[in-house]
Amino acid sequence: MKLFFTIFSILLSFSSFAMPLKRKDIKTNRQLTKEQVANTLERAGFPREIVPVVTCIAEFESNFNPKAINKHNTNNTKDHGLFQINDIWMAKCKMSAKDLQNPFMNARCAFKVYQQQGLTAWVTYKKFKRTCLSYQIPNYSTTHLADVIVQNNQLM
């Protein structure tokens, strides 16, 4: 009888891993995968060729944590979410601090920052440029990366 209960409890524990997650079960305060971030960036408007580089920036900025907050800026502002969007950008993006915890909304604001200031708006890009320019994500190619950066009047 003990053997039956042991086997039954093991099978029960494994079945919980096999259950598909529903949308309500997915919490946005957990770390995202680089594939999830890449997909979000593409939906937010970033050119597909530059998505790996921008995903790399998000990894260095927040470790893919949508709820990451940096409260240690010298000007007493905070940085929010995947791309550590500064308070100064909230008005320009028409978003609140809570909005910036949403990965898609944070990516939309990051796209606005990118359009106005380029990749160099993020200190992490400058610091980890070599790593970010060679960042790999399955099903994404960086073959035409330089063309896209030049086309968008950005500095490499």
C-alpha atoms as a PDB file:
ATOM      1  CA  MET A   1       0.000   0.000   0.000  1.00  0.00           C
ATOM      2  CA  LYS A   2       2.892   2.378   0.784  1.00  0.00           C
ATOM      3  CA  LEU A   3       4.339   1.652  -2.637  1.00  0.00           C
ATOM      4  CA  PHE A   4       1.023   2.537  -4.287  1.00  0.00           C
ATOM      5  CA  PHE A   5       0.831   5.910  -2.503  1.00  0.00           C
ATOM      6  CA  THR A   6       4.463   6.672  -3.278  1.00  0.00           C
ATOM      7  CA  ILE A   7       4.002   5.961  -6.984  1.00  0.00           C
ATOM      8  CA  PHE A   8       0.697   7.842  -7.026  1.00  0.00           C
ATOM      9  CA  SER A   9       2.222  10.947  -5.391  1.00  0.00           C
ATOM     10  CA  ILE A  10       5.163  10.908  -7.817  1.00  0.00           C
ATOM     11  CA  LEU A  11       2.825  10.674 -10.807  1.00  0.00           C
ATOM     12  CA  LEU A  12       0.669  13.444  -9.403  1.00  0.00           C
ATOM     13  CA  SER A  13       3.652  15.752  -8.981  1.00  0.00           C
ATOM     14  CA  PHE A  14       4.787  15.138 -12.573  1.00  0.00           C
ATOM     15  CA  SER A  15       1.318  15.778 -13.964  1.00  0.00           C
ATOM     16  CA  SER A  16       1.373  19.299 -12.553  1.00  0.00           C
ATOM     17  CA  PHE A  17       4.384  20.053 -14.775  1.00  0.00           C
ATOM     18  CA  ALA A  18       2.545  18.812 -17.841  1.00  0.00           C
ATOM     19  CA  MET A  19      -0.493  21.035 -17.312  1.00  0.00           C
ATOM     20  CA  PRO A  20      -0.515  23.929 -19.794  1.00  0.00           C
ATOM     21  CA  LEU A  21      -0.345  27.379 -18.268  1.00  0.00           C
ATOM     22  CA  LYS A  22      -3.285  29.680 -18.771  1.00  0.00           C
ATOM     23  CA  ARG A  23      -2.765  33.385 -19.359  1.00  0.00           C
ATOM     24  CA  LYS A  24      -3.895  34.214 -15.822  1.00  0.00           C
ATOM     25  CA  ASP A  25      -1.198  31.843 -14.476  1.00  0.00           C
ATOM     26  CA  ILE A  26       1.578  33.785 -16.196  1.00  0.00           C
ATOM     27  CA  LYS A  27       2.851  36.463 -13.859  1.00  0.00           C
ATOM     28  CA  THR A  28       4.663  39.475 -15.304  1.00  0.00           C
ATOM     29  CA  ASN A  29       6.981  39.841 -12.332  1.00  0.00           C
ATOM     30  CA  ARG A  30       8.933  36.753 -13.298  1.00  0.00           C
ATOM     31  CA  GLN A  31      11.961  36.815 -15.500  1.00  0.00           C
ATOM     32  CA  LEU A  32      11.094  36.490 -19.188  1.00  0.00           C
ATOM     33  CA  THR A  33      13.038  34.425 -21.700  1.00  0.00           C
ATOM     34  CA  LYS A  34      15.041  36.116 -24.426  1.00  0.00           C
ATOM     35  CA  GLU A  35      12.610  34.667 -26.987  1.00  0.00           C
ATOM     36  CA  GLN A  36       9.658  36.276 -25.170  1.00  0.00           C
ATOM     37  CA  VAL A  37      11.479  39.601 -25.034  1.00  0.00           C
ATOM     38  CA  ALA A  38      12.426  39.358 -28.730  1.00  0.00           C
ATOM     39  CA  ASN A  39       8.816  38.685 -29.707  1.00  0.00           C
ATOM     40  CA  THR A  40       7.643  41.621 -27.584  1.00  0.00           C
ATOM     41  CA  LEU A  41      10.193  43.936 -29.197  1.00  0.00           C
ATOM     42  CA  GLU A  42       9.110  42.978 -32.667  1.00  0.00           C
ATOM     43  CA  ARG A  43       5.457  43.605 -31.772  1.00  0.00           C
ATOM     44  CA  ALA A  44       6.482  46.968 -30.281  1.00  0.00           C
ATOM     45  CA  GLY A  45       7.902  48.106 -33.622  1.00  0.00           C
ATOM     46  CA  PHE A  46      11.632  47.366 -33.517  1.00  0.00           C
ATOM     47  CA  PRO A  47      13.035  46.229 -36.885  1.00  0.00           C
ATOM     48  CA  ARG A  48      13.502  42.440 -36.825  1.00  0.00           C
ATOM     49  CA  GLU A  49      17.214  42.724 -37.672  1.00  0.00           C
ATOM     50  CA  ILE A  50      17.938  44.812 -34.590  1.00  0.00           C
ATOM     51  CA  VAL A  51      15.833  42.752 -32.142  1.00  0.00           C
ATOM     52  CA  PRO A  52      18.794  40.618 -30.937  1.00  0.00           C
ATOM     53  CA  VAL A  53      20.815  43.726 -30.041  1.00  0.00           C
ATOM     54  CA  VAL A  54      17.916  45.351 -28.211  1.00  0.00           C
ATOM     55  CA  THR A  55      17.148  42.065 -26.426  1.00  0.00           C
ATOM     56  CA  CYS A  56      20.739  42.058 -25.212  1.00  0.00           C
ATOM     57  CA  ILE A  57      20.254  45.584 -23.858  1.00  0.00           C
ATOM     58  CA  ALA A  58      17.153  44.417 -21.943  1.00  0.00           C
ATOM     59  CA  GLU A  59      19.106  41.526 -20.469  1.00  0.00           C
ATOM     60  CA  PHE A  60      21.835  43.819 -19.161  1.00  0.00           C
ATOM     61  CA  GLU A  61      19.375  46.490 -18.011  1.00  0.00           C
ATOM     62  CA  SER A  62      16.914  44.305 -16.079  1.00  0.00           C
ATOM     63  CA  ASN A  63      17.915  40.651 -16.432  1.00  0.00           C
ATOM     64  CA  PHE A  64      14.582  40.314 -18.282  1.00  0.00           C
ATOM     65  CA  ASN A  65      12.620  41.270 -15.149  1.00  0.00           C
ATOM     66  CA  PRO A  66       9.632  43.433 -16.206  1.00  0.00           C
ATOM     67  CA  LYS A  67       9.206  44.777 -12.670  1.00  0.00           C
ATOM     68  CA  ALA A  68      12.846  45.776 -12.121  1.00  0.00           C
ATOM     69  CA  ILE A  69      13.220  49.228 -10.588  1.00  0.00           C
ATOM     70  CA  ASN A  70      16.406  51.206 -10.080  1.00  0.00           C
ATOM     71  CA  LYS A  71      16.031  53.875  -7.395  1.00  0.00           C
ATOM     72  CA  HIS A  72      19.695  54.893  -7.289  1.00  0.00           C
ATOM     73  CA  ASN A  73      19.959  57.656  -9.885  1.00  0.00           C
ATOM     74  CA  THR A  74      21.903  60.761  -8.925  1.00  0.00           C
ATOM     75  CA  ASN A  75      19.010  63.001 -10.017  1.00  0.00           C
ATOM     76  CA  ASN A  76      16.520  61.192  -7.713  1.00  0.00           C
ATOM     77  CA  THR A  77      14.615  59.633 -10.601  1.00  0.00           C
ATOM     78  CA  LYS A  78      13.788  55.934 -11.020  1.00  0.00           C
ATOM     79  CA  ASP A  79      14.284  53.541 -13.929  1.00  0.00           C
ATOM     80  CA  HIS A  80      11.501  51.052 -14.667  1.00  0.00           C
ATOM     81  CA  GLY A  81      11.000  47.653 -16.273  1.00  0.00           C
ATOM     82  CA  LEU A  82      12.785  45.679 -18.972  1.00  0.00           C
ATOM     83  CA  PHE A  83      14.598  48.665 -20.453  1.00  0.00           C
ATOM     84  CA  GLN A  84      14.925  50.663 -17.244  1.00  0.00           C
ATOM     85  CA  ILE A  85      12.955  53.557 -18.694  1.00  0.00           C
ATOM     86  CA  ASN A  86      13.670  56.685 -16.656  1.00  0.00           C
ATOM     87  CA  ASP A  87      10.900  58.744 -15.037  1.00  0.00           C
ATOM     88  CA  ILE A  88      11.763  61.568 -17.441  1.00  0.00           C
ATOM     89  CA  TRP A  89      10.416  59.454 -20.330  1.00  0.00           C
ATOM     90  CA  MET A  90       7.074  58.649 -18.684  1.00  0.00           C
ATOM     91  CA  ALA A  91       5.453  61.875 -19.874  1.00  0.00           C
ATOM     92  CA  LYS A  92       6.980  61.568 -23.361  1.00  0.00           C
ATOM     93  CA  CYS A  93       5.633  58.020 -23.646  1.00  0.00           C
ATOM     94  CA  LYS A  94       2.355  58.946 -21.929  1.00  0.00           C
ATOM     95  CA  MET A  95       2.793  56.113 -19.428  1.00  0.00           C
ATOM     96  CA  SER A  96       2.792  55.653 -15.675  1.00  0.00           C
ATOM     97  CA  ALA A  97       5.306  53.719 -13.586  1.00  0.00           C
ATOM     98  CA  LYS A  98       2.775  50.871 -13.467  1.00  0.00           C
ATOM     99  CA  ASP A  99       2.442  50.934 -17.279  1.00  0.00           C
ATOM    100  CA  LEU A 100       6.211  50.542 -17.572  1.00  0.00           C
ATOM    101  CA  GLN A 101       6.026  47.256 -15.645  1.00  0.00           C
ATOM    102  CA  ASN A 102       4.126  45.794 -18.589  1.00  0.00           C
ATOM    103  CA  PRO A 103       6.715  44.291 -20.984  1.00  0.00           C
ATOM    104  CA  PHE A 104       4.915  45.414 -24.157  1.00  0.00           C
ATOM    105  CA  MET A 105       4.322  48.973 -22.949  1.00  0.00           C
ATOM    106  CA  ASN A 106       7.912  49.220 -21.725  1.00  0.00           C
ATOM    107  CA  ALA A 107       9.105  48.027 -25.148  1.00  0.00           C
ATOM    108  CA  ARG A 108       6.879  50.616 -26.880  1.00  0.00           C
ATOM    109  CA  CYS A 109       8.449  53.372 -24.787  1.00  0.00           C
ATOM    110  CA  ALA A 110      11.921  51.907 -25.437  1.00  0.00           C
ATOM    111  CA  PHE A 111      11.149  52.067 -29.161  1.00  0.00           C
ATOM    112  CA  LYS A 112      10.349  55.768 -28.785  1.00  0.00           C
ATOM    113  CA  VAL A 113      13.665  56.274 -26.947  1.00  0.00           C
ATOM    114  CA  TYR A 114      15.454  54.333 -29.706  1.00  0.00           C
ATOM    115  CA  GLN A 115      13.832  56.457 -32.435  1.00  0.00           C
ATOM    116  CA  GLN A 116      14.943  59.679 -30.754  1.00  0.00           C
ATOM    117  CA  GLN A 117      18.334  58.732 -29.300  1.00  0.00           C
ATOM    118  CA  GLY A 118      19.411  55.445 -30.847  1.00  0.00           C
ATOM    119  CA  LEU A 119      20.992  52.493 -29.088  1.00  0.00           C
ATOM    120  CA  THR A 120      23.468  54.733 -27.288  1.00  0.00           C
ATOM    121  CA  ALA A 121      20.623  55.997 -25.078  1.00  0.00           C
ATOM    122  CA  TRP A 122      21.358  52.915 -22.951  1.00  0.00           C
ATOM    123  CA  VAL A 123      24.644  52.983 -21.056  1.00  0.00           C
ATOM    124  CA  THR A 124      24.628  49.183 -21.139  1.00  0.00           C
ATOM    125  CA  TYR A 125      24.809  49.243 -24.938  1.00  0.00           C
ATOM    126  CA  LYS A 126      27.906  51.411 -24.780  1.00  0.00           C
ATOM    127  CA  LYS A 127      29.434  49.210 -22.090  1.00  0.00           C
ATOM    128  CA  PHE A 128      28.534  45.825 -23.656  1.00  0.00           C
ATOM    129  CA  LYS A 129      28.427  46.830 -27.318  1.00  0.00           C
ATOM    130  CA  ARG A 130      30.583  43.967 -28.579  1.00  0.00           C
ATOM    131  CA  THR A 131      28.450  41.399 -26.749  1.00  0.00           C
ATOM    132  CA  CYS A 132      25.189  42.955 -27.933  1.00  0.00           C
ATOM    133  CA  LEU A 133      26.254  43.202 -31.580  1.00  0.00           C
ATOM    134  CA  SER A 134      26.963  39.455 -31.588  1.00  0.00           C
ATOM    135  CA  TYR A 135      23.970  38.421 -29.436  1.00  0.00           C
ATOM    136  CA  GLN A 136      22.185  35.369 -30.793  1.00  0.00           C
ATOM    137  CA  ILE A 137      18.512  34.426 -30.668  1.00  0.00           C
ATOM    138  CA  PRO A 138      17.144  31.403 -32.562  1.00  0.00           C
ATOM    139  CA  ASN A 139      15.291  32.412 -35.756  1.00  0.00           C
ATOM    140  CA  TYR A 140      16.758  35.939 -35.746  1.00  0.00           C
ATOM    141  CA  SER A 141      19.516  36.972 -38.084  1.00  0.00           C
ATOM    142  CA  THR A 142      21.856  39.909 -37.608  1.00  0.00           C
ATOM    143  CA  THR A 143      23.250  39.671 -41.153  1.00  0.00           C
ATOM    144  CA  HIS A 144      21.848  43.084 -42.122  1.00  0.00           C
ATOM    145  CA  LEU A 145      22.258  44.697 -38.711  1.00  0.00           C
ATOM    146  CA  ALA A 146      24.695  47.376 -39.876  1.00  0.00           C
ATOM    147  CA  ASP A 147      22.365  48.338 -42.739  1.00  0.00           C
ATOM    148  CA  VAL A 148      19.424  48.786 -40.370  1.00  0.00           C
ATOM    149  CA  ILE A 149      21.453  50.857 -37.921  1.00  0.00           C
ATOM    150  CA  VAL A 150      22.751  53.122 -40.702  1.00  0.00           C
ATOM    151  CA  GLN A 151      19.305  53.323 -42.321  1.00  0.00           C
ATOM    152  CA  ASN A 152      17.839  54.528 -39.027  1.00  0.00           C
ATOM    153  CA  ASN A 153      20.633  57.096 -38.643  1.00  0.00           C
ATOM    154  CA  GLN A 154      22.003  55.356 -35.576  1.00  0.00           C
ATOM    155  CA  LEU A 155      25.594  55.034 -34.494  1.00  0.00           C
ATOM    156  CA  MET A 156      27.058  51.593 -34.097  1.00  0.00           C
END
